[in-house]
N, C-alpha and C. Protein backbone atom coordinates (compact mmCIF):
# COMPACT_ATOMS: atom_id res chain seq x y z
N UNK A 1 127.54 13.69 -19.61
CA UNK A 1 128.40 12.61 -19.32
C UNK A 1 128.70 12.61 -17.80
N UNK A 2 128.84 13.79 -17.21
CA UNK A 2 129.04 13.89 -15.75
C UNK A 2 127.87 13.32 -14.96
N UNK A 3 126.67 13.58 -15.46
CA UNK A 3 125.49 13.08 -14.80
C UNK A 3 125.46 11.55 -14.86
N UNK A 4 125.80 11.00 -16.00
CA UNK A 4 125.80 9.53 -16.16
C UNK A 4 126.84 8.94 -15.18
N UNK A 5 128.00 9.60 -15.10
CA UNK A 5 129.06 9.08 -14.20
C UNK A 5 128.58 9.14 -12.74
N UNK A 6 127.89 10.23 -12.39
CA UNK A 6 127.38 10.37 -11.01
C UNK A 6 126.37 9.23 -10.75
N UNK A 7 125.50 8.96 -11.68
CA UNK A 7 124.51 7.86 -11.50
C UNK A 7 125.21 6.55 -11.36
N UNK A 8 126.28 6.31 -12.15
CA UNK A 8 127.01 5.06 -12.06
C UNK A 8 127.68 4.91 -10.71
N UNK A 9 128.32 5.96 -10.26
CA UNK A 9 128.99 5.90 -8.96
C UNK A 9 128.02 5.71 -7.80
N UNK A 10 126.86 6.26 -7.91
CA UNK A 10 125.93 6.19 -6.81
C UNK A 10 125.08 4.89 -6.80
N UNK A 11 125.28 4.03 -7.77
CA UNK A 11 124.53 2.80 -7.78
C UNK A 11 125.00 1.89 -6.61
N UNK A 12 124.14 1.05 -6.17
CA UNK A 12 124.44 0.26 -4.99
C UNK A 12 125.69 -0.57 -5.12
N UNK A 13 125.93 -1.20 -6.29
CA UNK A 13 127.09 -2.09 -6.46
C UNK A 13 128.40 -1.36 -6.26
N UNK A 14 128.55 -0.17 -6.79
CA UNK A 14 129.78 0.58 -6.66
C UNK A 14 130.01 1.02 -5.26
N UNK A 15 128.98 1.55 -4.58
CA UNK A 15 129.12 1.99 -3.22
C UNK A 15 129.43 0.77 -2.31
N UNK A 16 128.76 -0.34 -2.51
CA UNK A 16 129.01 -1.56 -1.75
C UNK A 16 130.45 -2.01 -1.93
N UNK A 17 130.97 -1.94 -3.16
CA UNK A 17 132.30 -2.34 -3.47
C UNK A 17 133.29 -1.42 -2.75
N UNK A 18 133.01 -0.12 -2.77
CA UNK A 18 133.92 0.82 -2.09
C UNK A 18 134.00 0.53 -0.62
N UNK A 19 132.82 0.29 0.02
CA UNK A 19 132.77 -0.08 1.45
C UNK A 19 133.54 -1.33 1.71
N UNK A 20 133.41 -2.30 0.85
CA UNK A 20 134.10 -3.58 1.00
C UNK A 20 135.61 -3.39 0.94
N UNK A 21 136.07 -2.56 -0.01
CA UNK A 21 137.51 -2.33 -0.10
C UNK A 21 138.04 -1.61 1.14
N UNK A 22 137.32 -0.65 1.62
CA UNK A 22 137.74 0.06 2.78
C UNK A 22 137.77 -0.87 4.05
N UNK A 23 136.73 -1.69 4.17
CA UNK A 23 136.67 -2.65 5.30
C UNK A 23 137.80 -3.67 5.19
N UNK A 24 138.06 -4.12 3.99
CA UNK A 24 139.11 -5.15 3.80
C UNK A 24 140.45 -4.54 4.17
N UNK A 25 140.68 -3.30 3.79
CA UNK A 25 141.94 -2.63 4.15
C UNK A 25 142.07 -2.50 5.67
N UNK A 26 141.00 -2.12 6.33
CA UNK A 26 141.00 -1.97 7.78
C UNK A 26 141.23 -3.36 8.45
N UNK A 27 140.56 -4.35 7.97
CA UNK A 27 140.74 -5.71 8.56
C UNK A 27 142.14 -6.19 8.28
N UNK A 28 142.66 -5.88 7.10
CA UNK A 28 144.05 -6.30 6.80
C UNK A 28 145.05 -5.66 7.79
N UNK A 29 144.85 -4.38 8.07
CA UNK A 29 145.72 -3.72 9.01
C UNK A 29 145.65 -4.32 10.39
N UNK A 30 144.42 -4.59 10.83
CA UNK A 30 144.26 -5.19 12.14
C UNK A 30 144.88 -6.57 12.22
N UNK A 31 144.69 -7.36 11.17
CA UNK A 31 145.26 -8.73 11.16
C UNK A 31 146.76 -8.67 11.09
N UNK A 32 147.32 -7.73 10.29
CA UNK A 32 148.79 -7.59 10.24
C UNK A 32 149.35 -7.28 11.56
N UNK A 33 148.72 -6.35 12.29
CA UNK A 33 149.16 -6.01 13.61
C UNK A 33 149.04 -7.23 14.55
N UNK A 34 147.95 -7.94 14.46
CA UNK A 34 147.75 -9.13 15.28
C UNK A 34 148.83 -10.18 15.05
N UNK A 35 149.15 -10.42 13.77
CA UNK A 35 150.14 -11.40 13.43
C UNK A 35 151.50 -10.94 13.91
N UNK A 36 151.87 -9.68 13.60
CA UNK A 36 153.20 -9.16 13.89
C UNK A 36 153.40 -9.01 15.42
N UNK A 37 152.41 -8.57 16.13
CA UNK A 37 152.61 -8.24 17.52
C UNK A 37 152.14 -9.31 18.50
N UNK A 38 151.33 -10.29 18.10
CA UNK A 38 150.88 -11.27 19.02
C UNK A 38 151.22 -12.71 18.55
N UNK A 39 150.86 -13.06 17.33
CA UNK A 39 151.08 -14.43 16.89
C UNK A 39 152.56 -14.76 16.73
N UNK A 40 153.30 -13.93 16.01
CA UNK A 40 154.68 -14.28 15.73
C UNK A 40 155.58 -14.26 17.00
N UNK A 41 155.38 -13.35 17.95
CA UNK A 41 156.16 -13.47 19.19
C UNK A 41 155.89 -14.78 19.93
N UNK A 42 154.61 -15.22 19.94
CA UNK A 42 154.29 -16.49 20.59
C UNK A 42 154.92 -17.64 19.82
N UNK A 43 154.85 -17.62 18.50
CA UNK A 43 155.49 -18.68 17.68
C UNK A 43 157.00 -18.66 17.91
N UNK A 44 157.57 -17.47 17.96
CA UNK A 44 159.02 -17.36 18.21
C UNK A 44 159.35 -17.88 19.59
N UNK A 45 158.56 -17.60 20.57
CA UNK A 45 158.83 -18.09 21.95
C UNK A 45 158.88 -19.60 21.98
N UNK A 46 157.87 -20.26 21.36
CA UNK A 46 157.85 -21.69 21.38
C UNK A 46 158.82 -22.37 20.40
N UNK A 47 159.46 -21.58 19.58
CA UNK A 47 160.47 -22.15 18.66
C UNK A 47 161.87 -21.71 19.10
N UNK A 48 162.05 -21.49 20.40
CA UNK A 48 163.36 -21.22 20.94
C UNK A 48 163.80 -19.76 20.79
N UNK A 49 162.84 -18.83 20.86
CA UNK A 49 163.18 -17.39 20.84
C UNK A 49 163.47 -16.89 19.43
N UNK A 50 163.07 -17.57 18.43
CA UNK A 50 163.30 -17.19 17.05
C UNK A 50 162.40 -16.03 16.64
N UNK A 51 162.97 -15.05 15.97
CA UNK A 51 162.23 -13.91 15.39
C UNK A 51 162.10 -14.13 13.88
N UNK A 52 160.90 -14.53 13.44
CA UNK A 52 160.72 -14.86 12.07
C UNK A 52 161.04 -13.67 11.11
N UNK A 53 160.74 -12.45 11.52
CA UNK A 53 160.95 -11.32 10.69
C UNK A 53 162.39 -11.10 10.33
N UNK A 54 163.28 -11.58 11.19
CA UNK A 54 164.73 -11.43 10.91
C UNK A 54 165.32 -12.60 10.13
N UNK A 55 164.53 -13.58 9.85
CA UNK A 55 165.03 -14.76 9.14
C UNK A 55 165.21 -14.42 7.67
N UNK A 56 166.40 -14.72 7.16
CA UNK A 56 166.73 -14.39 5.76
C UNK A 56 167.87 -15.23 5.27
N UNK A 57 167.98 -15.32 3.99
CA UNK A 57 169.13 -15.95 3.34
C UNK A 57 169.89 -14.83 2.63
N UNK A 58 171.06 -14.58 3.06
CA UNK A 58 171.84 -13.44 2.49
C UNK A 58 172.50 -13.94 1.24
N UNK A 59 172.20 -13.29 0.15
CA UNK A 59 172.85 -13.59 -1.16
C UNK A 59 174.11 -12.80 -1.34
N UNK A 60 174.11 -11.54 -0.87
CA UNK A 60 175.29 -10.68 -0.95
C UNK A 60 175.35 -9.80 0.28
N UNK A 61 176.45 -9.85 1.02
CA UNK A 61 176.65 -9.07 2.19
C UNK A 61 176.70 -7.57 1.80
N UNK A 62 176.33 -6.71 2.73
CA UNK A 62 176.45 -5.26 2.49
C UNK A 62 177.96 -4.94 2.57
N UNK A 63 178.32 -3.95 1.71
CA UNK A 63 179.71 -3.52 1.66
C UNK A 63 179.77 -2.14 2.35
N UNK A 64 180.65 -2.01 3.33
CA UNK A 64 180.76 -0.79 4.09
C UNK A 64 182.19 -0.26 3.86
N UNK A 65 182.33 1.05 3.51
CA UNK A 65 183.66 1.60 3.32
C UNK A 65 184.27 2.03 4.63
N UNK A 66 185.48 2.59 4.61
CA UNK A 66 186.25 2.94 5.78
C UNK A 66 185.52 3.98 6.67
N UNK A 67 184.68 4.79 6.03
CA UNK A 67 183.98 5.81 6.84
C UNK A 67 182.71 5.27 7.50
N UNK A 68 182.35 4.08 7.21
CA UNK A 68 181.17 3.46 7.78
C UNK A 68 179.92 3.60 6.90
N UNK A 69 180.10 4.19 5.72
CA UNK A 69 178.94 4.36 4.82
C UNK A 69 178.79 3.06 4.01
N UNK A 70 177.56 2.73 3.80
CA UNK A 70 177.24 1.52 3.00
C UNK A 70 177.39 1.86 1.54
N UNK A 71 178.27 1.13 0.87
CA UNK A 71 178.47 1.35 -0.57
C UNK A 71 177.60 0.42 -1.41
N UNK A 72 177.39 -0.80 -0.90
CA UNK A 72 176.52 -1.76 -1.58
C UNK A 72 175.55 -2.34 -0.51
N UNK A 73 174.26 -2.28 -0.80
CA UNK A 73 173.28 -2.74 0.14
C UNK A 73 173.29 -4.28 0.15
N UNK A 74 172.80 -4.79 1.30
CA UNK A 74 172.69 -6.24 1.40
C UNK A 74 171.57 -6.74 0.49
N UNK A 75 171.81 -7.91 -0.13
CA UNK A 75 170.83 -8.51 -1.00
C UNK A 75 170.46 -9.87 -0.32
N UNK A 76 169.21 -9.95 0.11
CA UNK A 76 168.83 -11.19 0.83
C UNK A 76 167.38 -11.57 0.51
N UNK A 77 167.13 -12.85 0.66
CA UNK A 77 165.77 -13.41 0.57
C UNK A 77 165.23 -13.41 2.00
N UNK A 78 164.24 -12.59 2.24
CA UNK A 78 163.65 -12.46 3.58
C UNK A 78 162.45 -13.42 3.73
N UNK A 79 162.73 -14.66 3.93
CA UNK A 79 161.65 -15.65 3.99
C UNK A 79 160.83 -15.54 5.29
N UNK A 80 161.44 -14.96 6.31
CA UNK A 80 160.66 -14.76 7.58
C UNK A 80 159.50 -13.78 7.38
N UNK A 81 159.73 -12.70 6.63
CA UNK A 81 158.66 -11.75 6.33
C UNK A 81 157.62 -12.43 5.47
N UNK A 82 158.06 -13.33 4.58
CA UNK A 82 157.10 -14.04 3.71
C UNK A 82 156.24 -14.96 4.56
N UNK A 83 156.84 -15.62 5.58
CA UNK A 83 156.02 -16.47 6.46
C UNK A 83 154.95 -15.64 7.17
N UNK A 84 155.35 -14.45 7.63
CA UNK A 84 154.41 -13.56 8.28
C UNK A 84 153.25 -13.23 7.31
N UNK A 85 153.60 -12.97 6.05
CA UNK A 85 152.57 -12.62 5.06
C UNK A 85 151.63 -13.83 4.81
N UNK A 86 152.12 -15.04 4.82
CA UNK A 86 151.30 -16.20 4.61
C UNK A 86 150.36 -16.37 5.81
N UNK A 87 150.86 -16.13 7.00
CA UNK A 87 150.00 -16.21 8.17
C UNK A 87 148.93 -15.15 8.14
N UNK A 88 149.30 -13.92 7.68
CA UNK A 88 148.33 -12.87 7.51
C UNK A 88 147.25 -13.31 6.57
N UNK A 89 147.63 -13.87 5.42
CA UNK A 89 146.66 -14.33 4.42
C UNK A 89 145.69 -15.37 5.01
N UNK A 90 146.23 -16.31 5.76
CA UNK A 90 145.35 -17.35 6.32
C UNK A 90 144.38 -16.77 7.31
N UNK A 91 144.84 -15.84 8.14
CA UNK A 91 143.96 -15.23 9.13
C UNK A 91 142.92 -14.34 8.49
N UNK A 92 143.31 -13.52 7.52
CA UNK A 92 142.37 -12.68 6.78
C UNK A 92 141.33 -13.52 6.07
N UNK A 93 141.76 -14.60 5.43
CA UNK A 93 140.82 -15.50 4.80
C UNK A 93 139.85 -16.08 5.75
N UNK A 94 140.30 -16.45 6.95
CA UNK A 94 139.42 -17.05 7.94
C UNK A 94 138.42 -16.01 8.46
N UNK A 95 138.92 -14.78 8.71
CA UNK A 95 138.04 -13.71 9.19
C UNK A 95 136.97 -13.38 8.13
N UNK A 96 137.38 -13.30 6.90
CA UNK A 96 136.40 -13.05 5.81
C UNK A 96 135.40 -14.17 5.67
N UNK A 97 135.86 -15.40 5.86
CA UNK A 97 134.91 -16.52 5.85
C UNK A 97 133.88 -16.40 6.96
N UNK A 98 134.35 -16.00 8.17
CA UNK A 98 133.37 -15.80 9.29
C UNK A 98 132.41 -14.70 9.01
N UNK A 99 132.89 -13.61 8.43
CA UNK A 99 132.01 -12.46 8.10
C UNK A 99 130.94 -12.85 7.10
N UNK A 100 131.36 -13.51 6.01
CA UNK A 100 130.42 -13.92 4.97
C UNK A 100 129.45 -14.96 5.55
N UNK A 101 129.94 -15.85 6.38
CA UNK A 101 129.03 -16.85 6.96
C UNK A 101 128.00 -16.15 7.87
N UNK A 102 128.39 -15.19 8.66
CA UNK A 102 127.47 -14.43 9.47
C UNK A 102 126.48 -13.65 8.65
N UNK A 103 126.93 -13.03 7.58
CA UNK A 103 126.13 -12.27 6.66
C UNK A 103 125.05 -13.17 6.05
N UNK A 104 125.49 -14.32 5.59
CA UNK A 104 124.51 -15.22 4.92
C UNK A 104 123.45 -15.70 5.90
N UNK A 105 123.78 -15.84 7.20
CA UNK A 105 122.76 -16.25 8.17
C UNK A 105 121.70 -15.14 8.41
N UNK A 106 122.11 -13.85 8.19
CA UNK A 106 121.17 -12.76 8.37
C UNK A 106 120.21 -12.59 7.24
N UNK A 107 120.56 -13.11 6.08
CA UNK A 107 119.71 -12.93 4.90
C UNK A 107 118.49 -13.87 5.03
N UNK A 108 117.33 -13.29 4.68
CA UNK A 108 116.13 -14.14 4.70
C UNK A 108 116.20 -15.11 3.56
N UNK A 109 115.72 -16.36 3.82
CA UNK A 109 115.70 -17.33 2.70
C UNK A 109 114.72 -16.87 1.60
N UNK A 110 115.10 -17.01 0.42
CA UNK A 110 114.30 -16.62 -0.72
C UNK A 110 113.13 -17.60 -0.83
N UNK A 111 111.93 -17.05 -0.71
CA UNK A 111 110.77 -17.93 -0.88
C UNK A 111 110.48 -18.11 -2.33
N UNK A 112 110.21 -19.36 -2.68
CA UNK A 112 109.84 -19.60 -4.09
C UNK A 112 108.41 -19.15 -4.32
N UNK A 113 108.26 -18.56 -5.49
CA UNK A 113 106.89 -18.07 -5.82
C UNK A 113 105.99 -19.34 -6.02
N UNK A 114 104.75 -19.22 -5.56
CA UNK A 114 103.85 -20.35 -5.77
C UNK A 114 103.70 -20.65 -7.26
N UNK A 115 103.62 -21.87 -7.53
CA UNK A 115 103.54 -22.31 -8.94
C UNK A 115 102.23 -21.75 -9.57
N UNK A 116 102.38 -21.20 -10.71
CA UNK A 116 101.19 -20.70 -11.42
C UNK A 116 100.41 -21.94 -11.87
N UNK A 117 99.09 -21.76 -11.88
CA UNK A 117 98.30 -22.93 -12.41
C UNK A 117 98.71 -23.16 -13.83
N UNK A 118 98.96 -24.42 -14.08
CA UNK A 118 99.45 -24.81 -15.42
C UNK A 118 98.38 -24.49 -16.44
N UNK A 119 98.83 -23.83 -17.50
CA UNK A 119 97.87 -23.51 -18.57
C UNK A 119 97.50 -24.77 -19.37
N UNK A 120 96.71 -24.55 -20.37
CA UNK A 120 96.35 -25.72 -21.17
C UNK A 120 97.55 -26.28 -21.91
N UNK A 121 97.50 -27.59 -22.04
CA UNK A 121 98.64 -28.22 -22.73
C UNK A 121 98.50 -28.01 -24.26
N UNK A 122 99.51 -28.32 -24.97
CA UNK A 122 99.52 -28.13 -26.40
C UNK A 122 98.42 -28.94 -27.05
N UNK A 123 98.17 -30.16 -26.54
CA UNK A 123 97.09 -30.97 -27.10
C UNK A 123 95.73 -30.33 -26.84
N UNK A 124 95.55 -29.76 -25.65
CA UNK A 124 94.24 -29.15 -25.37
C UNK A 124 94.02 -27.92 -26.27
N UNK A 125 95.08 -27.17 -26.49
CA UNK A 125 94.97 -25.99 -27.36
C UNK A 125 94.62 -26.40 -28.79
N UNK A 126 95.31 -27.46 -29.25
CA UNK A 126 95.01 -27.98 -30.62
C UNK A 126 93.59 -28.47 -30.73
N UNK A 127 93.11 -29.17 -29.68
CA UNK A 127 91.73 -29.66 -29.69
C UNK A 127 90.75 -28.51 -29.68
N UNK A 128 91.07 -27.42 -28.96
CA UNK A 128 90.22 -26.29 -28.94
C UNK A 128 90.16 -25.61 -30.30
N UNK A 129 91.32 -25.49 -30.92
CA UNK A 129 91.37 -24.91 -32.31
C UNK A 129 90.57 -25.79 -33.29
N UNK A 130 90.72 -27.11 -33.18
CA UNK A 130 89.97 -28.00 -34.02
C UNK A 130 88.46 -27.84 -33.87
N UNK A 131 88.05 -27.72 -32.62
CA UNK A 131 86.63 -27.54 -32.33
C UNK A 131 86.13 -26.23 -32.87
N UNK A 132 86.90 -25.17 -32.77
CA UNK A 132 86.53 -23.88 -33.30
C UNK A 132 86.41 -23.92 -34.84
N UNK A 133 87.32 -24.67 -35.46
CA UNK A 133 87.29 -24.77 -36.92
C UNK A 133 86.11 -25.58 -37.40
N UNK A 134 85.60 -26.56 -36.64
CA UNK A 134 84.47 -27.38 -36.97
C UNK A 134 83.24 -26.47 -36.96
N UNK A 135 83.14 -25.51 -36.07
CA UNK A 135 81.97 -24.62 -36.02
C UNK A 135 82.01 -23.73 -37.21
């Protein structure tokens, strides 16, 4: 069973899938950094200095006791982080589109096999059988 598992793991599809997952994770990290560190500050600058990551709708304020310790954490909808995630998705999708498009250009077009000479038709075979039976 171990040998079968090793053969399964070493097949091209599994190895290609593993490489694809690793590359997607790396591209995702790069894109997340690009969006967080470059795109969103530019968007914030042109929208009046707004920081999207800090945008949220507070449902319940944090409760702090007299010693300064938080007794109840803040409960909020962080829609700014969600906007960043959507921008990440769009950029990752676009990058993957470009990668697949470039990959498809490198593949050789599949040449169609030349058509085999057509064999005898059904009528010709029946005529041949008829002639053989006459003999």
